Amino acid sequence: MEDWSNNACLGYIISGMQRAGYSREEIKKVVRSVYYEFDFKSVDEAKDIYNKSEY
């Protein structure tokens, strides 16, 4: 298993948003928002949020 990396997570977000056609400004807004969350959520908390979401 690979080590967790916040930068890799942001890279996945950027790549997915680019593929889906989001604008540069939309991507920037989301990346900044996610980056902020790194300081307030553990990896396990973030995983739990995802697992309980409809996505």
PDB file of N, CA and C in Angstrom:
ATOM      1  N   MET A   1       0.840  -1.180   0.000  1.00  0.00           N
ATOM      2  CA  MET A   1       0.000   0.000   0.000  1.00  0.00           C
ATOM      3  C   MET A   1       0.889   1.248   0.000  1.00  0.00           C
ATOM      4  N   GLU A   2       0.505   2.230  -0.772  1.00  0.00           N
ATOM      5  CA  GLU A   2       1.280   3.462  -0.857  1.00  0.00           C
ATOM      6  C   GLU A   2       0.971   4.370   0.325  1.00  0.00           C
ATOM      7  N   ASP A   3       1.941   5.219   0.670  1.00  0.00           N
ATOM      8  CA  ASP A   3       1.748   6.176   1.756  1.00  0.00           C
ATOM      9  C   ASP A   3       0.782   7.263   1.344  1.00  0.00           C
ATOM     10  N   TRP A   4       0.041   7.779   2.346  1.00  0.00           N
ATOM     11  CA  TRP A   4      -0.868   8.905   2.123  1.00  0.00           C
ATOM     12  C   TRP A   4      -0.050  10.136   1.785  1.00  0.00           C
ATOM     13  N   SER A   5      -0.567  10.928   0.871  1.00  0.00           N
ATOM     14  CA  SER A   5       0.064  12.193   0.515  1.00  0.00           C
ATOM     15  C   SER A   5      -1.028  13.217   0.218  1.00  0.00           C
ATOM     16  N   ASN A   6      -1.009  14.329   0.943  1.00  0.00           N
ATOM     17  CA  ASN A   6      -1.974  15.391   0.665  1.00  0.00           C
ATOM     18  C   ASN A   6      -1.815  15.894  -0.765  1.00  0.00           C
ATOM     19  N   ASN A   7      -0.570  16.001  -1.224  1.00  0.00           N
ATOM     20  CA  ASN A   7      -0.336  16.481  -2.588  1.00  0.00           C
ATOM     21  C   ASN A   7      -0.890  15.516  -3.629  1.00  0.00           C
ATOM     22  N   ALA A   8      -0.784  14.219  -3.374  1.00  0.00           N
ATOM     23  CA  ALA A   8      -1.362  13.241  -4.299  1.00  0.00           C
ATOM     24  C   ALA A   8      -2.879  13.372  -4.314  1.00  0.00           C
ATOM     25  N   CYS A   9      -3.477  13.559  -3.147  1.00  0.00           N
ATOM     26  CA  CYS A   9      -4.927  13.751  -3.066  1.00  0.00           C
ATOM     27  C   CYS A   9      -5.345  14.962  -3.895  1.00  0.00           C
ATOM     28  N   LEU A  10      -4.623  16.063  -3.733  1.00  0.00           N
ATOM     29  CA  LEU A  10      -4.934  17.267  -4.512  1.00  0.00           C
ATOM     30  C   LEU A  10      -4.727  17.026  -6.005  1.00  0.00           C
ATOM     31  N   GLY A  11      -3.731  16.243  -6.339  1.00  0.00           N
ATOM     32  CA  GLY A  11      -3.495  15.900  -7.743  1.00  0.00           C
ATOM     33  C   GLY A  11      -4.654  15.121  -8.338  1.00  0.00           C
ATOM     34  N   TYR A  12      -5.203  14.172  -7.570  1.00  0.00           N
ATOM     35  CA  TYR A  12      -6.381  13.429  -8.032  1.00  0.00           C
ATOM     36  C   TYR A  12      -7.558  14.376  -8.257  1.00  0.00           C
ATOM     37  N   ILE A  13      -7.741  15.304  -7.338  1.00  0.00           N
ATOM     38  CA  ILE A  13      -8.843  16.261  -7.458  1.00  0.00           C
ATOM     39  C   ILE A  13      -8.677  17.106  -8.710  1.00  0.00           C
ATOM     40  N   ILE A  14      -7.478  17.654  -8.898  1.00  0.00           N
ATOM     41  CA  ILE A  14      -7.207  18.491 -10.066  1.00  0.00           C
ATOM     42  C   ILE A  14      -7.425  17.701 -11.352  1.00  0.00           C
ATOM     43  N   SER A  15      -6.887  16.492 -11.408  1.00  0.00           N
ATOM     44  CA  SER A  15      -7.008  15.664 -12.600  1.00  0.00           C
ATOM     45  C   SER A  15      -8.465  15.341 -12.912  1.00  0.00           C
ATOM     46  N   GLY A  16      -9.221  14.953 -11.900  1.00  0.00           N
ATOM     47  CA  GLY A  16     -10.632  14.624 -12.107  1.00  0.00           C
ATOM     48  C   GLY A  16     -11.450  15.828 -12.540  1.00  0.00           C
ATOM     49  N   MET A  17     -11.168  16.964 -11.935  1.00  0.00           N
ATOM     50  CA  MET A  17     -11.920  18.163 -12.290  1.00  0.00           C
ATOM     51  C   MET A  17     -11.575  18.633 -13.703  1.00  0.00           C
ATOM     52  N   GLN A  18     -10.307  18.529 -14.072  1.00  0.00           N
ATOM     53  CA  GLN A  18      -9.917  18.893 -15.445  1.00  0.00           C
ATOM     54  C   GLN A  18     -10.611  17.971 -16.446  1.00  0.00           C
ATOM     55  N   ARG A  19     -10.617  16.689 -16.151  1.00  0.00           N
ATOM     56  CA  ARG A  19     -11.257  15.703 -17.038  1.00  0.00           C
ATOM     57  C   ARG A  19     -12.750  15.987 -17.193  1.00  0.00           C
ATOM     58  N   ALA A  20     -13.376  16.478 -16.112  1.00  0.00           N
ATOM     59  CA  ALA A  20     -14.813  16.764 -16.130  1.00  0.00           C
ATOM     60  C   ALA A  20     -15.129  18.143 -16.709  1.00  0.00           C
ATOM     61  N   GLY A  21     -14.098  18.904 -17.062  1.00  0.00           N
ATOM     62  CA  GLY A  21     -14.318  20.170 -17.730  1.00  0.00           C
ATOM     63  C   GLY A  21     -14.513  21.386 -16.838  1.00  0.00           C
ATOM     64  N   TYR A  22     -14.140  21.282 -15.573  1.00  0.00           N
ATOM     65  CA  TYR A  22     -14.250  22.431 -14.677  1.00  0.00           C
ATOM     66  C   TYR A  22     -13.250  23.517 -15.081  1.00  0.00           C
ATOM     67  N   SER A  23     -13.600  24.753 -14.785  1.00  0.00           N
ATOM     68  CA  SER A  23     -12.731  25.879 -15.114  1.00  0.00           C
ATOM     69  C   SER A  23     -11.557  25.951 -14.136  1.00  0.00           C
ATOM     70  N   ARG A  24     -10.546  26.689 -14.533  1.00  0.00           N
ATOM     71  CA  ARG A  24      -9.367  26.898 -13.691  1.00  0.00           C
ATOM     72  C   ARG A  24      -9.775  27.508 -12.348  1.00  0.00           C
ATOM     73  N   GLU A  25     -10.673  28.465 -12.370  1.00  0.00           N
ATOM     74  CA  GLU A  25     -11.115  29.129 -11.142  1.00  0.00           C
ATOM     75  C   GLU A  25     -11.897  28.173 -10.240  1.00  0.00           C
ATOM     76  N   GLU A  26     -12.724  27.319 -10.822  1.00  0.00           N
ATOM     77  CA  GLU A  26     -13.471  26.337 -10.021  1.00  0.00           C
ATOM     78  C   GLU A  26     -12.508  25.352  -9.364  1.00  0.00           C
ATOM     79  N   ILE A  27     -11.522  24.898 -10.117  1.00  0.00           N
ATOM     80  CA  ILE A  27     -10.531  23.962  -9.580  1.00  0.00           C
ATOM     81  C   ILE A  27      -9.755  24.620  -8.448  1.00  0.00           C
ATOM     82  N   LYS A  28      -9.339  25.854  -8.654  1.00  0.00           N
ATOM     83  CA  LYS A  28      -8.589  26.575  -7.628  1.00  0.00           C
ATOM     84  C   LYS A  28      -9.404  26.690  -6.338  1.00  0.00           C
ATOM     85  N   LYS A  29     -10.678  26.986  -6.464  1.00  0.00           N
ATOM     86  CA  LYS A  29     -11.554  27.135  -5.298  1.00  0.00           C
ATOM     87  C   LYS A  29     -11.665  25.814  -4.529  1.00  0.00           C
ATOM     88  N   VAL A  30     -11.856  24.716  -5.248  1.00  0.00           N
ATOM     89  CA  VAL A  30     -11.989  23.409  -4.607  1.00  0.00           C
ATOM     90  C   VAL A  30     -10.672  22.969  -3.979  1.00  0.00           C
ATOM     91  N   VAL A  31      -9.566  23.152  -4.680  1.00  0.00           N
ATOM     92  CA  VAL A  31      -8.257  22.757  -4.148  1.00  0.00           C
ATOM     93  C   VAL A  31      -7.968  23.521  -2.853  1.00  0.00           C
ATOM     94  N   ARG A  32      -8.239  24.793  -2.834  1.00  0.00           N
ATOM     95  CA  ARG A  32      -8.015  25.585  -1.617  1.00  0.00           C
ATOM     96  C   ARG A  32      -8.908  25.108  -0.480  1.00  0.00           C
ATOM     97  N   SER A  33     -10.140  24.780  -0.792  1.00  0.00           N
ATOM     98  CA  SER A  33     -11.078  24.303   0.221  1.00  0.00           C
ATOM     99  C   SER A  33     -10.622  22.972   0.805  1.00  0.00           C
ATOM    100  N   VAL A  34     -10.209  22.054  -0.044  1.00  0.00           N
ATOM    101  CA  VAL A  34      -9.737  20.743   0.417  1.00  0.00           C
ATOM    102  C   VAL A  34      -8.445  20.905   1.218  1.00  0.00           C
ATOM    103  N   TYR A  35      -7.533  21.725   0.731  1.00  0.00           N
ATOM    104  CA  TYR A  35      -6.272  21.971   1.432  1.00  0.00           C
ATOM    105  C   TYR A  35      -6.539  22.445   2.861  1.00  0.00           C
ATOM    106  N   TYR A  36      -7.502  23.325   3.019  1.00  0.00           N
ATOM    107  CA  TYR A  36      -7.895  23.837   4.332  1.00  0.00           C
ATOM    108  C   TYR A  36      -8.377  22.697   5.231  1.00  0.00           C
ATOM    109  N   GLU A  37      -9.124  21.760   4.674  1.00  0.00           N
ATOM    110  CA  GLU A  37      -9.677  20.641   5.448  1.00  0.00           C
ATOM    111  C   GLU A  37      -8.597  19.705   5.982  1.00  0.00           C
ATOM    112  N   PHE A  38      -7.441  19.645   5.330  1.00  0.00           N
ATOM    113  CA  PHE A  38      -6.359  18.780   5.810  1.00  0.00           C
ATOM    114  C   PHE A  38      -5.990  19.117   7.260  1.00  0.00           C
ATOM    115  N   ASP A  39      -6.156  20.369   7.640  1.00  0.00           N
ATOM    116  CA  ASP A  39      -5.796  20.788   8.994  1.00  0.00           C
ATOM    117  C   ASP A  39      -6.855  20.430  10.032  1.00  0.00           C
ATOM    118  N   PHE A  40      -8.043  20.054   9.605  1.00  0.00           N
ATOM    119  CA  PHE A  40      -9.144  19.846  10.535  1.00  0.00           C
ATOM    120  C   PHE A  40      -9.725  18.436  10.533  1.00  0.00           C
ATOM    121  N   LYS A  41      -9.334  17.613   9.598  1.00  0.00           N
ATOM    122  CA  LYS A  41      -9.855  16.248   9.512  1.00  0.00           C
ATOM    123  C   LYS A  41      -8.697  15.259   9.427  1.00  0.00           C
ATOM    124  N   SER A  42      -8.817  14.176  10.164  1.00  0.00           N
ATOM    125  CA  SER A  42      -7.837  13.096  10.024  1.00  0.00           C
ATOM    126  C   SER A  42      -8.166  12.301   8.757  1.00  0.00           C
ATOM    127  N   VAL A  43      -7.245  11.464   8.350  1.00  0.00           N
ATOM    128  CA  VAL A  43      -7.489  10.600   7.188  1.00  0.00           C
ATOM    129  C   VAL A  43      -8.694   9.707   7.453  1.00  0.00           C
ATOM    130  N   ASP A  44      -8.784   9.153   8.660  1.00  0.00           N
ATOM    131  CA  ASP A  44      -9.924   8.292   8.999  1.00  0.00           C
ATOM    132  C   ASP A  44     -11.244   9.060   8.983  1.00  0.00           C
ATOM    133  N   GLU A  45     -11.249  10.291   9.472  1.00  0.00           N
ATOM    134  CA  GLU A  45     -12.466  11.106   9.437  1.00  0.00           C
ATOM    135  C   GLU A  45     -12.889  11.389   7.995  1.00  0.00           C
ATOM    136  N   ALA A  46     -11.923  11.721   7.163  1.00  0.00           N
ATOM    137  CA  ALA A  46     -12.234  11.999   5.758  1.00  0.00           C
ATOM    138  C   ALA A  46     -12.761  10.746   5.061  1.00  0.00           C
ATOM    139  N   LYS A  47     -12.154   9.614   5.358  1.00  0.00           N
ATOM    140  CA  LYS A  47     -12.609   8.346   4.770  1.00  0.00           C
ATOM    141  C   LYS A  47     -14.041   8.048   5.190  1.00  0.00           C
ATOM    142  N   ASP A  48     -14.355   8.284   6.456  1.00  0.00           N
ATOM    143  CA  ASP A  48     -15.701   8.053   6.967  1.00  0.00           C
ATOM    144  C   ASP A  48     -16.722   8.966   6.294  1.00  0.00           C
ATOM    145  N   ILE A  49     -16.354  10.225   6.090  1.00  0.00           N
ATOM    146  CA  ILE A  49     -17.241  11.163   5.395  1.00  0.00           C
ATOM    147  C   ILE A  49     -17.536  10.653   3.981  1.00  0.00           C
ATOM    148  N   TYR A  50     -16.490  10.211   3.283  1.00  0.00           N
ATOM    149  CA  TYR A  50     -16.676   9.684   1.925  1.00  0.00           C
ATOM    150  C   TYR A  50     -17.530   8.432   1.942  1.00  0.00           C
ATOM    151  N   ASN A  51     -17.225   7.504   2.848  1.00  0.00           N
ATOM    152  CA  ASN A  51     -17.950   6.229   2.895  1.00  0.00           C
ATOM    153  C   ASN A  51     -19.439   6.416   3.202  1.00  0.00           C
ATOM    154  N   LYS A  52     -19.785   7.457   3.932  1.00  0.00           N
ATOM    155  CA  LYS A  52     -21.168   7.718   4.281  1.00  0.00           C
ATOM    156  C   LYS A  52     -21.879   8.626   3.260  1.00  0.00           C
ATOM    157  N   SER A  53     -21.135   9.134   2.300  1.00  0.00           N
ATOM    158  CA  SER A  53     -21.725  10.055   1.334  1.00  0.00           C
ATOM    159  C   SER A  53     -22.436   9.314   0.206  1.00  0.00           C
ATOM    160  N   GLU A  54     -23.183  10.034  -0.572  1.00  0.00           N
ATOM    161  CA  GLU A  54     -23.879   9.447  -1.726  1.00  0.00           C
ATOM    162  C   GLU A  54     -22.970   9.349  -2.950  1.00  0.00           C
ATOM    163  N   TYR A  55     -21.753   9.771  -2.830  1.00  0.00           N
ATOM    164  CA  TYR A  55     -20.826   9.776  -3.963  1.00  0.00           C
ATOM    165  C   TYR A  55     -20.042   8.501  -3.992  1.00  0.00           C
TER     166      TYR A  55
END
